[in-house]
Amino acid sequence: MIADLSHMAVAGTLIAVRVTPKASRNALVTQDGKLRVYVTTVPEGGKANAEVQKLVAKALGVSKSRLELVRGTTSRDKVFRVT
């Protein structure tokens, strides 16, 4: 399940997400006005970050190269910028 975030696909927009790695399925949902991303990959070697970037880009309708991880490389709370 992936939420539609196409209205946020404007250059310079900051998108904050909370990540849950090793989930049972990949999903991107809005919960209490916040974005939650569930990924099945393990958080080692940047694998989970890459999967999160891929899911957020798909929800925005942009290529993953247009998303830049600004903050939270090793944290569950991450901030992406649309370029």
C-alpha atoms as a PDB file:
ATOM      1  CA  MET A   1       0.000   0.000   0.000  1.00  0.00           C
ATOM      2  CA  ILE A   2       1.479   3.316  -1.099  1.00  0.00           C
ATOM      3  CA  ALA A   3      -0.120   6.689  -0.398  1.00  0.00           C
ATOM      4  CA  ASP A   4      -0.400   9.264  -3.204  1.00  0.00           C
ATOM      5  CA  LEU A   5       1.977  12.144  -2.465  1.00  0.00           C
ATOM      6  CA  SER A   6       2.091  13.701  -5.938  1.00  0.00           C
ATOM      7  CA  HIS A   7       0.973  17.052  -4.511  1.00  0.00           C
ATOM      8  CA  MET A   8       4.311  17.241  -2.640  1.00  0.00           C
ATOM      9  CA  ALA A   9       6.498  16.742  -5.732  1.00  0.00           C
ATOM     10  CA  VAL A  10       7.676  20.357  -5.849  1.00  0.00           C
ATOM     11  CA  ALA A  11      11.383  21.189  -5.935  1.00  0.00           C
ATOM     12  CA  GLY A  12      12.679  22.179  -2.505  1.00  0.00           C
ATOM     13  CA  THR A  13       9.931  20.392  -0.549  1.00  0.00           C
ATOM     14  CA  LEU A  14      11.170  18.687   2.620  1.00  0.00           C
ATOM     15  CA  ILE A  15       9.490  15.383   3.434  1.00  0.00           C
ATOM     16  CA  ALA A  16       9.868  13.894   6.923  1.00  0.00           C
ATOM     17  CA  VAL A  17       9.244  10.176   7.338  1.00  0.00           C
ATOM     18  CA  ARG A  18       9.444   7.608  10.134  1.00  0.00           C
ATOM     19  CA  VAL A  19      10.866   4.271   8.996  1.00  0.00           C
ATOM     20  CA  THR A  20      10.158   0.776  10.282  1.00  0.00           C
ATOM     21  CA  PRO A  21      12.685  -1.689   8.840  1.00  0.00           C
ATOM     22  CA  LYS A  22      12.205  -5.481   8.719  1.00  0.00           C
ATOM     23  CA  ALA A  23       8.441  -5.098   8.316  1.00  0.00           C
ATOM     24  CA  SER A  24       6.257  -7.847   6.887  1.00  0.00           C
ATOM     25  CA  ARG A  25       5.570  -5.810   3.726  1.00  0.00           C
ATOM     26  CA  ASN A  26       6.584  -2.570   2.026  1.00  0.00           C
ATOM     27  CA  ALA A  27       4.108   0.231   2.665  1.00  0.00           C
ATOM     28  CA  LEU A  28       3.897   4.006   2.859  1.00  0.00           C
ATOM     29  CA  VAL A  29       0.992   5.324   4.911  1.00  0.00           C
ATOM     30  CA  THR A  30      -0.069   8.581   6.502  1.00  0.00           C
ATOM     31  CA  GLN A  31      -0.791   8.177  10.180  1.00  0.00           C
ATOM     32  CA  ASP A  32      -1.849  11.099  12.391  1.00  0.00           C
ATOM     33  CA  GLY A  33      -0.672  13.531   9.706  1.00  0.00           C
ATOM     34  CA  LYS A  34       2.797  11.955   9.521  1.00  0.00           C
ATOM     35  CA  LEU A  35       4.338   9.689   6.919  1.00  0.00           C
ATOM     36  CA  ARG A  36       5.275   6.167   7.993  1.00  0.00           C
ATOM     37  CA  VAL A  37       7.332   3.947   5.722  1.00  0.00           C
ATOM     38  CA  TYR A  38       7.529   0.198   6.298  1.00  0.00           C
ATOM     39  CA  VAL A  39      10.241  -1.718   4.435  1.00  0.00           C
ATOM     40  CA  THR A  40      11.110  -5.410   4.433  1.00  0.00           C
ATOM     41  CA  THR A  41      14.849  -4.848   4.057  1.00  0.00           C
ATOM     42  CA  VAL A  42      17.328  -4.856   6.928  1.00  0.00           C
ATOM     43  CA  PRO A  43      18.982  -1.610   8.048  1.00  0.00           C
ATOM     44  CA  GLU A  44      22.550  -2.456   7.127  1.00  0.00           C
ATOM     45  CA  GLY A  45      24.772  -0.994   4.468  1.00  0.00           C
ATOM     46  CA  GLY A  46      22.174   1.567   3.416  1.00  0.00           C
ATOM     47  CA  LYS A  47      19.810  -1.078   2.026  1.00  0.00           C
ATOM     48  CA  ALA A  48      16.801   0.165   3.994  1.00  0.00           C
ATOM     49  CA  ASN A  49      17.545   3.800   3.063  1.00  0.00           C
ATOM     50  CA  ALA A  50      17.613   2.881  -0.623  1.00  0.00           C
ATOM     51  CA  GLU A  51      14.273   1.067  -0.322  1.00  0.00           C
ATOM     52  CA  VAL A  52      12.711   4.006   1.551  1.00  0.00           C
ATOM     53  CA  GLN A  53      13.952   6.405  -1.130  1.00  0.00           C
ATOM     54  CA  LYS A  54      12.467   4.167  -3.831  1.00  0.00           C
ATOM     55  CA  LEU A  55       9.043   3.983  -2.115  1.00  0.00           C
ATOM     56  CA  VAL A  56       8.840   7.720  -1.416  1.00  0.00           C
ATOM     57  CA  ALA A  57       9.855   8.530  -4.999  1.00  0.00           C
ATOM     58  CA  LYS A  58       7.164   6.184  -6.320  1.00  0.00           C
ATOM     59  CA  ALA A  59       4.537   7.844  -4.113  1.00  0.00           C
ATOM     60  CA  LEU A  60       5.634  11.282  -5.319  1.00  0.00           C
ATOM     61  CA  GLY A  61       5.695  10.212  -8.953  1.00  0.00           C
ATOM     62  CA  VAL A  62       9.323  11.278  -9.457  1.00  0.00           C
ATOM     63  CA  SER A  63      12.540   9.394 -10.107  1.00  0.00           C
ATOM     64  CA  LYS A  64      14.513   8.348  -7.047  1.00  0.00           C
ATOM     65  CA  SER A  65      17.462  10.471  -8.213  1.00  0.00           C
ATOM     66  CA  ARG A  66      15.300  13.555  -7.528  1.00  0.00           C
ATOM     67  CA  LEU A  67      15.163  12.692  -3.806  1.00  0.00           C
ATOM     68  CA  GLU A  68      18.055  13.662  -1.581  1.00  0.00           C
ATOM     69  CA  LEU A  69      18.431  12.301   1.956  1.00  0.00           C
ATOM     70  CA  VAL A  70      19.079  15.443   3.994  1.00  0.00           C
ATOM     71  CA  ARG A  71      18.987  14.072   7.532  1.00  0.00           C
ATOM     72  CA  GLY A  72      18.703  10.720   9.279  1.00  0.00           C
ATOM     73  CA  THR A  73      21.103   8.368   7.538  1.00  0.00           C
ATOM     74  CA  THR A  74      21.310   6.124  10.609  1.00  0.00           C
ATOM     75  CA  SER A  75      18.058   7.170  12.285  1.00  0.00           C
ATOM     76  CA  ARG A  76      14.467   5.952  11.935  1.00  0.00           C
ATOM     77  CA  ASP A  77      13.389   9.568  11.406  1.00  0.00           C
ATOM     78  CA  LYS A  78      14.520  10.785   8.007  1.00  0.00           C
ATOM     79  CA  VAL A  79      14.114  13.958   5.967  1.00  0.00           C
ATOM     80  CA  PHE A  80      14.189  13.928   2.160  1.00  0.00           C
ATOM     81  CA  ARG A  81      14.349  16.935  -0.170  1.00  0.00           C
ATOM     82  CA  VAL A  82      12.817  16.954  -3.635  1.00  0.00           C
ATOM     83  CA  THR A  83      15.341  18.435  -6.092  1.00  0.00           C
END
